[in-house]
């Protein structure tokens, strides 16, 4: 996915792969800042439990405000991927 664009995010590097997604470093081309993008793997796209967990985690993170915890900027779907 390196050098691909998802919505207005340009992927610049892979940060890691795990049980709940693929994480990439990207540039938010609208705000001109570095962000991390987590993409739910294709094999989980039809798993209702994993989709619900993915959304719960996003909502929980959005409620937190601390210098040592990342800020959630969005929870989106782009071309069928979350």
C-alpha atoms as a PDB file:
ATOM      1  CA  UNK A   1       0.000   0.000   0.000  1.00  0.00           C
ATOM      2  CA  UNK A   2       3.015   2.297   0.170  1.00  0.00           C
ATOM      3  CA  UNK A   3       2.530   5.426  -1.994  1.00  0.00           C
ATOM      4  CA  UNK A   4      -1.187   4.689  -2.397  1.00  0.00           C
ATOM      5  CA  UNK A   5      -3.856   7.159  -1.364  1.00  0.00           C
ATOM      6  CA  UNK A   6      -6.841   6.341   0.827  1.00  0.00           C
ATOM      7  CA  UNK A   7      -9.304   9.235   0.740  1.00  0.00           C
ATOM      8  CA  UNK A   8      -7.023  12.219   1.504  1.00  0.00           C
ATOM      9  CA  UNK A   9      -4.294  10.176   3.230  1.00  0.00           C
ATOM     10  CA  UNK A  10      -1.108   9.278   1.344  1.00  0.00           C
ATOM     11  CA  UNK A  11       0.456   6.086   2.733  1.00  0.00           C
ATOM     12  CA  UNK A  12       4.194   6.464   3.330  1.00  0.00           C
ATOM     13  CA  UNK A  13       5.206   3.374   5.363  1.00  0.00           C
ATOM     14  CA  UNK A  14       3.975   0.219   7.019  1.00  0.00           C
ATOM     15  CA  UNK A  15       4.094   0.414  10.809  1.00  0.00           C
ATOM     16  CA  UNK A  16       2.792  -3.016  11.753  1.00  0.00           C
ATOM     17  CA  UNK A  17       0.391  -5.885  11.245  1.00  0.00           C
ATOM     18  CA  UNK A  18      -1.699  -7.428  13.980  1.00  0.00           C
ATOM     19  CA  UNK A  19      -4.820  -9.289  14.916  1.00  0.00           C
ATOM     20  CA  UNK A  20      -7.124  -6.313  14.388  1.00  0.00           C
ATOM     21  CA  UNK A  21      -5.595  -4.612  11.411  1.00  0.00           C
ATOM     22  CA  UNK A  22      -2.789  -3.271   9.313  1.00  0.00           C
ATOM     23  CA  UNK A  23      -1.283   0.009  10.497  1.00  0.00           C
ATOM     24  CA  UNK A  24       0.363   2.482   8.155  1.00  0.00           C
ATOM     25  CA  UNK A  25       2.054   5.845   8.483  1.00  0.00           C
ATOM     26  CA  UNK A  26       0.420   8.406   6.226  1.00  0.00           C
ATOM     27  CA  UNK A  27       0.246  12.090   5.473  1.00  0.00           C
ATOM     28  CA  UNK A  28      -3.093  13.833   5.864  1.00  0.00           C
ATOM     29  CA  UNK A  29      -2.991  15.917   2.690  1.00  0.00           C
ATOM     30  CA  UNK A  30      -5.741  18.256   3.933  1.00  0.00           C
ATOM     31  CA  UNK A  31      -4.090  19.097   7.265  1.00  0.00           C
ATOM     32  CA  UNK A  32      -0.484  18.457   6.143  1.00  0.00           C
ATOM     33  CA  UNK A  33       0.404  16.286   9.135  1.00  0.00           C
ATOM     34  CA  UNK A  34       1.557  12.733   9.849  1.00  0.00           C
ATOM     35  CA  UNK A  35      -1.093  10.248  10.924  1.00  0.00           C
ATOM     36  CA  UNK A  36      -1.418   6.522  11.527  1.00  0.00           C
ATOM     37  CA  UNK A  37      -4.047   4.663   9.514  1.00  0.00           C
ATOM     38  CA  UNK A  38      -5.417   1.324  10.681  1.00  0.00           C
ATOM     39  CA  UNK A  39      -7.116  -0.740   7.989  1.00  0.00           C
ATOM     40  CA  UNK A  40      -9.276  -3.735   8.801  1.00  0.00           C
ATOM     41  CA  UNK A  41      -8.011  -6.745   6.784  1.00  0.00           C
ATOM     42  CA  UNK A  42     -10.228  -8.044   3.977  1.00  0.00           C
ATOM     43  CA  UNK A  43     -10.762 -11.373   5.750  1.00  0.00           C
ATOM     44  CA  UNK A  44     -12.525  -9.521   8.603  1.00  0.00           C
ATOM     45  CA  UNK A  45     -14.751  -7.354   6.395  1.00  0.00           C
ATOM     46  CA  UNK A  46     -17.726  -9.719   6.697  1.00  0.00           C
ATOM     47  CA  UNK A  47     -17.190 -10.648  10.364  1.00  0.00           C
ATOM     48  CA  UNK A  48     -19.857  -8.756  12.323  1.00  0.00           C
ATOM     49  CA  UNK A  49     -18.080  -9.295  15.676  1.00  0.00           C
ATOM     50  CA  UNK A  50     -14.776  -7.917  14.426  1.00  0.00           C
ATOM     51  CA  UNK A  51     -16.479  -4.969  12.745  1.00  0.00           C
ATOM     52  CA  UNK A  52     -18.286  -4.168  16.001  1.00  0.00           C
ATOM     53  CA  UNK A  53     -15.027  -4.406  17.970  1.00  0.00           C
ATOM     54  CA  UNK A  54     -13.241  -2.170  15.453  1.00  0.00           C
ATOM     55  CA  UNK A  55     -15.977   0.450  15.833  1.00  0.00           C
ATOM     56  CA  UNK A  56     -16.046   0.156  19.659  1.00  0.00           C
ATOM     57  CA  UNK A  57     -12.286   0.708  19.815  1.00  0.00           C
ATOM     58  CA  UNK A  58     -12.568   3.785  17.591  1.00  0.00           C
ATOM     59  CA  UNK A  59     -15.350   5.247  19.735  1.00  0.00           C
ATOM     60  CA  UNK A  60     -13.424   4.573  22.956  1.00  0.00           C
ATOM     61  CA  UNK A  61     -10.277   6.213  21.581  1.00  0.00           C
ATOM     62  CA  UNK A  62     -12.266   9.230  20.404  1.00  0.00           C
ATOM     63  CA  UNK A  63     -13.351   9.885  24.002  1.00  0.00           C
ATOM     64  CA  UNK A  64      -9.794   9.979  25.370  1.00  0.00           C
ATOM     65  CA  UNK A  65      -7.703  13.114  25.634  1.00  0.00           C
ATOM     66  CA  UNK A  66      -4.161  12.621  26.939  1.00  0.00           C
ATOM     67  CA  UNK A  67      -0.701  13.607  25.718  1.00  0.00           C
ATOM     68  CA  UNK A  68       0.447   9.960  25.645  1.00  0.00           C
ATOM     69  CA  UNK A  69      -2.566   8.613  23.741  1.00  0.00           C
ATOM     70  CA  UNK A  70      -3.197   9.148  20.058  1.00  0.00           C
ATOM     71  CA  UNK A  71      -6.066  11.287  18.850  1.00  0.00           C
ATOM     72  CA  UNK A  72      -8.703   9.761  16.619  1.00  0.00           C
ATOM     73  CA  UNK A  73      -9.329  11.956  13.572  1.00  0.00           C
ATOM     74  CA  UNK A  74     -11.901   9.800  11.855  1.00  0.00           C
ATOM     75  CA  UNK A  75     -13.594   6.466  11.384  1.00  0.00           C
ATOM     76  CA  UNK A  76     -14.242   6.000   7.720  1.00  0.00           C
ATOM     77  CA  UNK A  77     -14.943   3.569   4.932  1.00  0.00           C
ATOM     78  CA  UNK A  78     -13.157   4.006   1.607  1.00  0.00           C
ATOM     79  CA  UNK A  79     -13.863   1.773  -1.393  1.00  0.00           C
ATOM     80  CA  UNK A  80     -15.333  -0.918   0.832  1.00  0.00           C
ATOM     81  CA  UNK A  81     -12.473  -0.902   3.359  1.00  0.00           C
ATOM     82  CA  UNK A  82     -12.739   0.348   6.919  1.00  0.00           C
END
